[in-house]
Amino acid sequence: MEIVQKATLVTEIAVPVANVELKHLKTTDGKAVVVRCEKPGQIALLRAFRVLPGAVSEDRKIDPEAMTAEQKVEYIGENGQPLIEAGTVLLGPDGEVRPAFYFGPKQPHPLSIPGHVLHIEDLVALVTCITDLSGYGDKEDSQEGAGFPAPD
């Protein structure tokens, strides 16, 4: 362990957070809904990413090249739901609403919105943002396709 003389300023930290403007979900005054996406905790990531290529065993791996565009969107829609629940935030009158959207029968926060109202394009945009923040992406130096960077 290296001894350092000075702590990092909090304003210098690159927190894995980004805002996504939805194209199809609007506010009551007709403006686009903006959702804050965050990198979920590691346990939530492990649960959600078990189904994504690059993070599963060979016997459960899918072949994205063999899938139609419709199958890919359907796959992301179904398997991205845990990511959206783990990595989205809206602002409520008394603070943060976590998760912004939910997909199960039980509403986890009184102001969380049922995920079925999301248009597939908005759902894909949220999943894409969360996966990007989580470090999932194309491996440039590999023919294995998408995956997570190897831990140090």
N, C-alpha and C. Protein backbone atom coordinates (compact mmCIF):
# COMPACT_ATOMS: atom_id res chain seq x y z
N MET A 1 0.85 -1.17 0.00
CA MET A 1 0.00 0.00 0.00
C MET A 1 0.90 1.24 0.00
N GLU A 2 0.56 2.16 -0.87
CA GLU A 2 1.31 3.41 -0.98
C GLU A 2 0.73 4.44 -0.02
N ILE A 3 1.60 5.11 0.71
CA ILE A 3 1.15 6.18 1.61
C ILE A 3 1.11 7.47 0.81
N VAL A 4 -0.05 8.13 0.86
CA VAL A 4 -0.27 9.35 0.11
C VAL A 4 -0.47 10.49 1.11
N GLN A 5 0.03 11.66 0.76
CA GLN A 5 -0.01 12.79 1.67
C GLN A 5 -1.36 13.51 1.70
N LYS A 6 -2.13 13.42 0.62
CA LYS A 6 -3.33 14.23 0.53
C LYS A 6 -4.49 13.39 -0.02
N ALA A 7 -5.65 13.56 0.57
CA ALA A 7 -6.85 12.86 0.11
C ALA A 7 -7.39 13.52 -1.16
N THR A 8 -8.11 12.76 -1.94
CA THR A 8 -8.72 13.27 -3.17
C THR A 8 -9.88 14.19 -2.84
N LEU A 9 -9.99 15.28 -3.58
CA LEU A 9 -11.15 16.15 -3.43
C LEU A 9 -12.38 15.44 -3.98
N VAL A 10 -13.46 15.51 -3.28
CA VAL A 10 -14.67 14.82 -3.70
C VAL A 10 -15.15 15.32 -5.07
N THR A 11 -14.89 16.56 -5.39
CA THR A 11 -15.31 17.11 -6.68
C THR A 11 -14.49 16.57 -7.84
N GLU A 12 -13.39 15.86 -7.56
CA GLU A 12 -12.55 15.29 -8.60
C GLU A 12 -12.89 13.83 -8.90
N ILE A 13 -13.85 13.27 -8.20
CA ILE A 13 -14.20 11.87 -8.38
C ILE A 13 -15.20 11.73 -9.53
N ALA A 14 -14.91 10.81 -10.44
CA ALA A 14 -15.79 10.53 -11.58
C ALA A 14 -16.80 9.47 -11.16
N VAL A 15 -17.90 9.90 -10.59
CA VAL A 15 -18.95 8.99 -10.12
C VAL A 15 -19.68 8.42 -11.34
N PRO A 16 -19.89 7.10 -11.39
CA PRO A 16 -20.56 6.50 -12.55
C PRO A 16 -22.07 6.76 -12.55
N VAL A 17 -22.44 7.97 -12.97
CA VAL A 17 -23.83 8.41 -13.01
C VAL A 17 -24.04 9.17 -14.31
N ALA A 18 -25.22 9.00 -14.92
CA ALA A 18 -25.57 9.74 -16.14
C ALA A 18 -27.08 9.91 -16.20
N ASN A 19 -27.52 10.96 -16.85
CA ASN A 19 -28.95 11.20 -17.04
C ASN A 19 -29.36 10.74 -18.43
N VAL A 20 -30.54 10.10 -18.50
CA VAL A 20 -31.08 9.65 -19.78
C VAL A 20 -32.43 10.33 -19.99
N GLU A 21 -32.56 10.99 -21.12
CA GLU A 21 -33.83 11.61 -21.49
C GLU A 21 -34.63 10.60 -22.29
N LEU A 22 -35.79 10.24 -21.77
CA LEU A 22 -36.63 9.26 -22.45
C LEU A 22 -37.38 9.92 -23.60
N LYS A 23 -37.54 9.19 -24.69
CA LYS A 23 -38.21 9.74 -25.87
C LYS A 23 -39.72 9.58 -25.81
N HIS A 24 -40.19 8.59 -25.07
CA HIS A 24 -41.61 8.27 -25.14
C HIS A 24 -42.39 8.49 -23.85
N LEU A 25 -41.72 8.64 -22.74
CA LEU A 25 -42.42 8.89 -21.48
C LEU A 25 -42.31 10.38 -21.19
N LYS A 26 -43.45 11.03 -20.99
CA LYS A 26 -43.51 12.48 -20.83
C LYS A 26 -44.03 12.87 -19.45
N THR A 27 -43.70 14.10 -19.05
CA THR A 27 -44.25 14.66 -17.82
C THR A 27 -45.66 15.18 -18.11
N THR A 28 -46.36 15.62 -17.09
CA THR A 28 -47.72 16.13 -17.28
C THR A 28 -47.76 17.37 -18.16
N ASP A 29 -46.63 18.11 -18.24
CA ASP A 29 -46.60 19.29 -19.11
C ASP A 29 -45.97 18.99 -20.47
N GLY A 30 -45.80 17.69 -20.80
CA GLY A 30 -45.36 17.29 -22.13
C GLY A 30 -43.86 17.23 -22.34
N LYS A 31 -43.07 17.45 -21.30
CA LYS A 31 -41.61 17.38 -21.45
C LYS A 31 -41.14 15.94 -21.29
N ALA A 32 -39.97 15.66 -21.85
CA ALA A 32 -39.40 14.32 -21.73
C ALA A 32 -39.00 14.04 -20.28
N VAL A 33 -39.25 12.83 -19.82
CA VAL A 33 -38.83 12.41 -18.49
C VAL A 33 -37.33 12.17 -18.54
N VAL A 34 -36.62 12.68 -17.54
CA VAL A 34 -35.18 12.46 -17.43
C VAL A 34 -34.95 11.56 -16.21
N VAL A 35 -34.25 10.46 -16.45
CA VAL A 35 -33.98 9.46 -15.41
C VAL A 35 -32.49 9.45 -15.11
N ARG A 36 -32.14 9.46 -13.83
CA ARG A 36 -30.74 9.32 -13.46
C ARG A 36 -30.41 7.83 -13.43
N CYS A 37 -29.37 7.46 -14.15
CA CYS A 37 -28.90 6.08 -14.15
C CYS A 37 -27.59 6.03 -13.37
N GLU A 38 -27.44 4.97 -12.59
CA GLU A 38 -26.25 4.80 -11.78
C GLU A 38 -25.72 3.39 -11.95
N LYS A 39 -24.44 3.24 -11.70
CA LYS A 39 -23.86 1.90 -11.67
C LYS A 39 -24.42 1.20 -10.43
N PRO A 40 -25.12 0.08 -10.62
CA PRO A 40 -25.67 -0.62 -9.46
C PRO A 40 -24.56 -1.24 -8.61
N GLY A 41 -24.90 -1.62 -7.39
CA GLY A 41 -23.96 -2.32 -6.52
C GLY A 41 -23.54 -3.65 -7.13
N GLN A 42 -22.44 -4.18 -6.67
CA GLN A 42 -21.88 -5.39 -7.27
C GLN A 42 -22.80 -6.60 -7.16
N ILE A 43 -23.52 -6.75 -6.08
CA ILE A 43 -24.43 -7.89 -5.94
C ILE A 43 -25.55 -7.81 -6.97
N ALA A 44 -26.12 -6.62 -7.13
CA ALA A 44 -27.18 -6.44 -8.14
C ALA A 44 -26.64 -6.70 -9.53
N LEU A 45 -25.42 -6.27 -9.80
CA LEU A 45 -24.81 -6.52 -11.11
C LEU A 45 -24.62 -8.01 -11.34
N LEU A 46 -24.13 -8.71 -10.35
CA LEU A 46 -23.92 -10.16 -10.50
C LEU A 46 -25.23 -10.86 -10.83
N ARG A 47 -26.29 -10.49 -10.13
CA ARG A 47 -27.59 -11.11 -10.39
C ARG A 47 -28.10 -10.80 -11.80
N ALA A 48 -27.99 -9.55 -12.21
CA ALA A 48 -28.52 -9.14 -13.51
C ALA A 48 -27.66 -9.64 -14.65
N PHE A 49 -26.36 -9.57 -14.51
CA PHE A 49 -25.47 -9.90 -15.62
C PHE A 49 -25.24 -11.39 -15.80
N ARG A 50 -25.80 -12.20 -14.95
CA ARG A 50 -25.68 -13.64 -15.14
C ARG A 50 -26.21 -14.08 -16.51
N VAL A 51 -27.11 -13.29 -17.07
CA VAL A 51 -27.76 -13.70 -18.32
C VAL A 51 -27.15 -13.04 -19.55
N LEU A 52 -26.21 -12.10 -19.39
CA LEU A 52 -25.65 -11.41 -20.54
C LEU A 52 -24.46 -12.16 -21.11
N PRO A 53 -24.26 -12.07 -22.42
CA PRO A 53 -23.11 -12.73 -23.02
C PRO A 53 -21.82 -12.13 -22.48
N GLY A 54 -20.82 -12.99 -22.30
CA GLY A 54 -19.55 -12.53 -21.75
C GLY A 54 -19.50 -12.69 -20.24
N ALA A 55 -20.63 -12.97 -19.63
CA ALA A 55 -20.65 -13.11 -18.18
C ALA A 55 -21.34 -14.40 -17.76
N VAL A 56 -21.54 -15.33 -18.69
CA VAL A 56 -22.22 -16.57 -18.37
C VAL A 56 -21.38 -17.75 -18.81
N SER A 57 -21.72 -18.92 -18.30
CA SER A 57 -21.01 -20.12 -18.70
C SER A 57 -21.32 -20.44 -20.17
N GLU A 58 -20.47 -21.21 -20.78
CA GLU A 58 -20.60 -21.52 -22.21
C GLU A 58 -21.94 -22.17 -22.55
N ASP A 59 -22.46 -23.00 -21.66
CA ASP A 59 -23.72 -23.70 -21.96
C ASP A 59 -24.93 -22.76 -21.93
N ARG A 60 -24.80 -21.58 -21.31
CA ARG A 60 -25.91 -20.62 -21.27
C ARG A 60 -25.68 -19.43 -22.18
N LYS A 61 -24.56 -19.41 -22.88
CA LYS A 61 -24.20 -18.27 -23.71
C LYS A 61 -25.11 -18.18 -24.93
N ILE A 62 -25.47 -16.96 -25.30
CA ILE A 62 -26.27 -16.75 -26.49
C ILE A 62 -25.37 -16.30 -27.62
N ASP A 63 -25.86 -16.44 -28.82
CA ASP A 63 -25.10 -16.00 -29.98
C ASP A 63 -25.81 -14.79 -30.57
N PRO A 64 -25.34 -13.57 -30.26
CA PRO A 64 -26.01 -12.36 -30.76
C PRO A 64 -26.05 -12.31 -32.29
N GLU A 65 -25.06 -12.91 -32.95
CA GLU A 65 -25.02 -12.90 -34.41
C GLU A 65 -26.18 -13.69 -35.01
N ALA A 66 -26.68 -14.68 -34.27
CA ALA A 66 -27.76 -15.52 -34.77
C ALA A 66 -29.14 -14.96 -34.44
N MET A 67 -29.18 -13.87 -33.68
CA MET A 67 -30.46 -13.29 -33.26
C MET A 67 -30.90 -12.21 -34.24
N THR A 68 -32.22 -12.12 -34.43
CA THR A 68 -32.77 -11.03 -35.24
C THR A 68 -32.78 -9.77 -34.38
N ALA A 69 -32.97 -8.64 -35.02
CA ALA A 69 -33.05 -7.37 -34.27
C ALA A 69 -34.18 -7.43 -33.26
N GLU A 70 -35.30 -8.00 -33.65
CA GLU A 70 -36.44 -8.13 -32.74
C GLU A 70 -36.09 -9.01 -31.54
N GLN A 71 -35.39 -10.11 -31.77
CA GLN A 71 -34.99 -10.99 -30.68
C GLN A 71 -34.03 -10.29 -29.72
N LYS A 72 -33.11 -9.49 -30.27
CA LYS A 72 -32.16 -8.75 -29.43
C LYS A 72 -32.88 -7.76 -28.53
N VAL A 73 -33.83 -7.02 -29.10
CA VAL A 73 -34.58 -6.03 -28.33
C VAL A 73 -35.41 -6.74 -27.25
N GLU A 74 -36.04 -7.84 -27.62
CA GLU A 74 -36.85 -8.61 -26.67
C GLU A 74 -35.95 -9.14 -25.54
N TYR A 75 -34.79 -9.63 -25.89
CA TYR A 75 -33.83 -10.16 -24.92
C TYR A 75 -33.41 -9.07 -23.93
N ILE A 76 -33.05 -7.90 -24.46
CA ILE A 76 -32.65 -6.78 -23.61
C ILE A 76 -33.82 -6.35 -22.73
N GLY A 77 -35.01 -6.30 -23.32
CA GLY A 77 -36.19 -5.90 -22.55
C GLY A 77 -36.46 -6.81 -21.38
N GLU A 78 -36.39 -8.10 -21.61
CA GLU A 78 -36.66 -9.06 -20.54
C GLU A 78 -35.55 -9.11 -19.51
N ASN A 79 -34.31 -9.18 -19.97
CA ASN A 79 -33.19 -9.37 -19.06
C ASN A 79 -32.65 -8.07 -18.49
N GLY A 80 -33.07 -6.94 -19.03
CA GLY A 80 -32.62 -5.66 -18.51
C GLY A 80 -33.45 -5.15 -17.36
N GLN A 81 -34.58 -5.79 -17.10
CA GLN A 81 -35.45 -5.31 -16.03
C GLN A 81 -34.75 -5.23 -14.67
N PRO A 82 -33.97 -6.24 -14.26
CA PRO A 82 -33.27 -6.11 -12.97
C PRO A 82 -32.27 -4.95 -12.95
N LEU A 83 -31.68 -4.66 -14.10
CA LEU A 83 -30.75 -3.53 -14.17
C LEU A 83 -31.48 -2.22 -13.97
N ILE A 84 -32.63 -2.08 -14.59
CA ILE A 84 -33.41 -0.85 -14.45
C ILE A 84 -33.86 -0.68 -13.01
N GLU A 85 -34.26 -1.76 -12.37
CA GLU A 85 -34.66 -1.67 -10.97
C GLU A 85 -33.48 -1.32 -10.07
N ALA A 86 -32.29 -1.80 -10.41
CA ALA A 86 -31.12 -1.57 -9.56
C ALA A 86 -30.40 -0.26 -9.86
N GLY A 87 -30.61 0.32 -11.05
CA GLY A 87 -29.78 1.45 -11.43
C GLY A 87 -30.50 2.70 -11.89
N THR A 88 -31.79 2.86 -11.54
CA THR A 88 -32.49 4.08 -11.94
C THR A 88 -33.03 4.83 -10.74
N VAL A 89 -33.05 6.16 -10.88
CA VAL A 89 -33.50 7.04 -9.81
C VAL A 89 -34.30 8.18 -10.42
N LEU A 90 -35.41 8.53 -9.78
CA LEU A 90 -36.16 9.75 -10.10
C LEU A 90 -36.19 10.60 -8.84
N LEU A 91 -36.51 11.85 -8.99
CA LEU A 91 -36.62 12.73 -7.83
C LEU A 91 -38.08 12.87 -7.43
N GLY A 92 -38.33 12.70 -6.14
CA GLY A 92 -39.68 12.86 -5.61
C GLY A 92 -39.75 14.10 -4.74
N PRO A 93 -40.92 14.42 -4.23
CA PRO A 93 -41.07 15.62 -3.39
C PRO A 93 -40.26 15.56 -2.10
N ASP A 94 -39.96 14.34 -1.64
CA ASP A 94 -39.22 14.19 -0.38
C ASP A 94 -37.85 13.56 -0.56
N GLY A 95 -37.33 13.56 -1.79
CA GLY A 95 -36.01 12.96 -2.02
C GLY A 95 -36.02 12.00 -3.20
N GLU A 96 -35.09 11.06 -3.18
CA GLU A 96 -34.93 10.13 -4.28
C GLU A 96 -35.96 9.02 -4.27
N VAL A 97 -36.39 8.65 -5.46
CA VAL A 97 -37.30 7.52 -5.66
C VAL A 97 -36.46 6.41 -6.28
N ARG A 98 -36.22 5.35 -5.51
CA ARG A 98 -35.43 4.19 -5.92
C ARG A 98 -36.22 2.93 -5.74
N PRO A 99 -36.39 2.14 -6.73
CA PRO A 99 -36.01 2.36 -8.12
C PRO A 99 -37.02 3.27 -8.80
N ALA A 100 -36.59 3.87 -9.89
CA ALA A 100 -37.50 4.72 -10.65
C ALA A 100 -38.63 3.87 -11.23
N PHE A 101 -38.28 2.67 -11.70
CA PHE A 101 -39.25 1.76 -12.33
C PHE A 101 -39.13 0.39 -11.69
N TYR A 102 -40.24 -0.31 -11.61
CA TYR A 102 -40.23 -1.68 -11.08
C TYR A 102 -41.03 -2.58 -12.02
N PHE A 103 -40.70 -3.88 -11.99
CA PHE A 103 -41.34 -4.82 -12.91
C PHE A 103 -42.04 -5.96 -12.20
N GLY A 104 -41.86 -6.11 -10.92
CA GLY A 104 -42.52 -7.17 -10.18
C GLY A 104 -43.89 -6.76 -9.69
N PRO A 105 -44.55 -7.65 -8.97
CA PRO A 105 -45.90 -7.35 -8.48
C PRO A 105 -45.92 -6.36 -7.32
N LYS A 106 -44.80 -6.25 -6.60
CA LYS A 106 -44.74 -5.39 -5.42
C LYS A 106 -44.03 -4.08 -5.74
N GLN A 107 -44.67 -2.96 -5.41
CA GLN A 107 -44.10 -1.63 -5.63
C GLN A 107 -43.09 -1.36 -4.51
N PRO A 108 -41.78 -1.26 -4.86
CA PRO A 108 -40.75 -1.13 -3.82
C PRO A 108 -40.71 0.25 -3.15
N HIS A 109 -41.17 1.28 -3.82
CA HIS A 109 -41.23 2.64 -3.27
C HIS A 109 -42.61 3.17 -3.66
N PRO A 110 -43.25 3.92 -2.78
CA PRO A 110 -44.60 4.40 -3.10
C PRO A 110 -44.69 5.22 -4.39
N LEU A 111 -43.59 5.81 -4.83
CA LEU A 111 -43.61 6.64 -6.04
C LEU A 111 -42.93 5.97 -7.24
N SER A 112 -42.45 4.74 -7.08
CA SER A 112 -41.86 4.02 -8.21
C SER A 112 -42.93 3.78 -9.27
N ILE A 113 -42.52 3.82 -10.52
CA ILE A 113 -43.45 3.70 -11.64
C ILE A 113 -43.40 2.29 -12.21
N PRO A 114 -44.55 1.70 -12.54
CA PRO A 114 -44.53 0.36 -13.14
C PRO A 114 -43.76 0.38 -14.46
N GLY A 115 -42.84 -0.56 -14.61
CA GLY A 115 -41.98 -0.62 -15.79
C GLY A 115 -42.70 -0.87 -17.09
N HIS A 116 -43.91 -1.42 -17.02
CA HIS A 116 -44.64 -1.71 -18.27
C HIS A 116 -45.00 -0.45 -19.04
N VAL A 117 -44.90 0.73 -18.42
CA VAL A 117 -45.21 1.97 -19.14
C VAL A 117 -44.06 2.40 -20.05
N LEU A 118 -42.90 1.79 -19.89
CA LEU A 118 -41.74 2.16 -20.70
C LEU A 118 -41.88 1.63 -22.12
N HIS A 119 -41.68 2.48 -23.08
CA HIS A 119 -41.59 2.09 -24.48
C HIS A 119 -40.28 1.29 -24.62
N ILE A 120 -40.24 0.33 -25.51
CA ILE A 120 -39.06 -0.51 -25.66
C ILE A 120 -37.80 0.32 -25.97
N GLU A 121 -37.95 1.38 -26.74
CA GLU A 121 -36.80 2.23 -27.06
C GLU A 121 -36.24 2.89 -25.80
N ASP A 122 -37.11 3.34 -24.90
CA ASP A 122 -36.67 3.94 -23.65
C ASP A 122 -36.05 2.89 -22.73
N LEU A 123 -36.64 1.71 -22.70
CA LEU A 123 -36.12 0.62 -21.89
C LEU A 123 -34.70 0.27 -22.35
N VAL A 124 -34.50 0.16 -23.65
CA VAL A 124 -33.17 -0.15 -24.18
C VAL A 124 -32.18 0.97 -23.86
N ALA A 125 -32.62 2.23 -23.93
CA ALA A 125 -31.73 3.35 -23.61
C ALA A 125 -31.28 3.30 -22.15
N LEU A 126 -32.19 2.95 -21.25
CA LEU A 126 -31.83 2.84 -19.83
C LEU A 126 -30.86 1.69 -19.60
N VAL A 127 -31.15 0.54 -20.18
CA VAL A 127 -30.27 -0.63 -20.01
C VAL A 127 -28.89 -0.33 -20.59
N THR A 128 -28.85 0.29 -21.75
CA THR A 128 -27.57 0.61 -22.38
C THR A 128 -26.75 1.55 -21.50
N CYS A 129 -27.38 2.57 -20.96
CA CYS A 129 -26.67 3.51 -20.09
C CYS A 129 -26.14 2.80 -18.84
N ILE A 130 -26.96 2.00 -18.20
CA ILE A 130 -26.54 1.31 -16.98
C ILE A 130 -25.41 0.33 -17.27
N THR A 131 -25.51 -0.41 -18.37
CA THR A 131 -24.44 -1.35 -18.69
C THR A 131 -23.14 -0.61 -19.02
N ASP A 132 -23.24 0.52 -19.71
CA ASP A 132 -22.05 1.33 -19.99
C ASP A 132 -21.41 1.82 -18.69
N LEU A 133 -22.22 2.30 -17.77
CA LEU A 133 -21.71 2.78 -16.48
C LEU A 133 -21.08 1.64 -15.68
N SER A 134 -21.54 0.43 -15.93
CA SER A 134 -21.06 -0.74 -15.19
C SER A 134 -19.79 -1.35 -15.78
N GLY A 135 -19.35 -0.85 -16.93
CA GLY A 135 -18.13 -1.35 -17.53
C GLY A 135 -18.34 -2.46 -18.53
N TYR A 136 -19.59 -2.74 -18.88
CA TYR A 136 -19.88 -3.78 -19.86
C TYR A 136 -19.79 -3.17 -21.24
N GLY A 137 -19.14 -3.86 -22.16
CA GLY A 137 -19.04 -3.32 -23.51
C GLY A 137 -18.25 -4.23 -24.42
N ASP A 138 -18.01 -3.76 -25.62
CA ASP A 138 -17.26 -4.55 -26.59
C ASP A 138 -15.81 -4.67 -26.18
N LYS A 139 -15.30 -5.85 -26.34
CA LYS A 139 -13.88 -6.08 -26.10
C LYS A 139 -13.16 -5.83 -27.42
N GLU A 140 -12.44 -4.74 -27.49
CA GLU A 140 -11.79 -4.38 -28.75
C GLU A 140 -10.72 -5.37 -29.16
N ASP A 141 -10.01 -5.93 -28.22
CA ASP A 141 -8.90 -6.81 -28.54
C ASP A 141 -9.30 -8.28 -28.50
N SER A 142 -10.58 -8.57 -28.57
CA SER A 142 -11.02 -9.95 -28.44
C SER A 142 -12.09 -10.28 -29.46
N GLN A 143 -12.16 -11.54 -29.83
CA GLN A 143 -13.22 -11.99 -30.71
C GLN A 143 -14.36 -12.60 -29.92
N GLU A 144 -14.29 -12.50 -28.61
CA GLU A 144 -15.30 -13.09 -27.74
C GLU A 144 -16.58 -12.26 -27.67
N GLY A 145 -16.56 -11.05 -28.15
CA GLY A 145 -17.73 -10.19 -28.07
C GLY A 145 -17.74 -9.38 -26.81
N ALA A 146 -18.93 -8.96 -26.39
CA ALA A 146 -19.06 -8.08 -25.23
C ALA A 146 -18.77 -8.83 -23.95
N GLY A 147 -18.36 -8.08 -22.96
CA GLY A 147 -18.10 -8.66 -21.65
C GLY A 147 -17.64 -7.58 -20.70
N PHE A 148 -17.19 -7.99 -19.51
CA PHE A 148 -16.69 -7.08 -18.51
C PHE A 148 -15.18 -7.10 -18.48
N PRO A 149 -14.57 -5.97 -18.15
CA PRO A 149 -13.11 -5.97 -18.02
C PRO A 149 -12.68 -6.93 -16.92
N ALA A 150 -11.56 -7.56 -17.10
CA ALA A 150 -11.06 -8.48 -16.09
C ALA A 150 -10.67 -7.69 -14.84
N PRO A 151 -10.95 -8.26 -13.65
CA PRO A 151 -10.57 -7.56 -12.43
C PRO A 151 -9.05 -7.49 -12.31
N ASP A 152 -8.56 -6.44 -11.68
CA ASP A 152 -7.11 -6.28 -11.49
C ASP A 152 -6.60 -7.19 -10.41
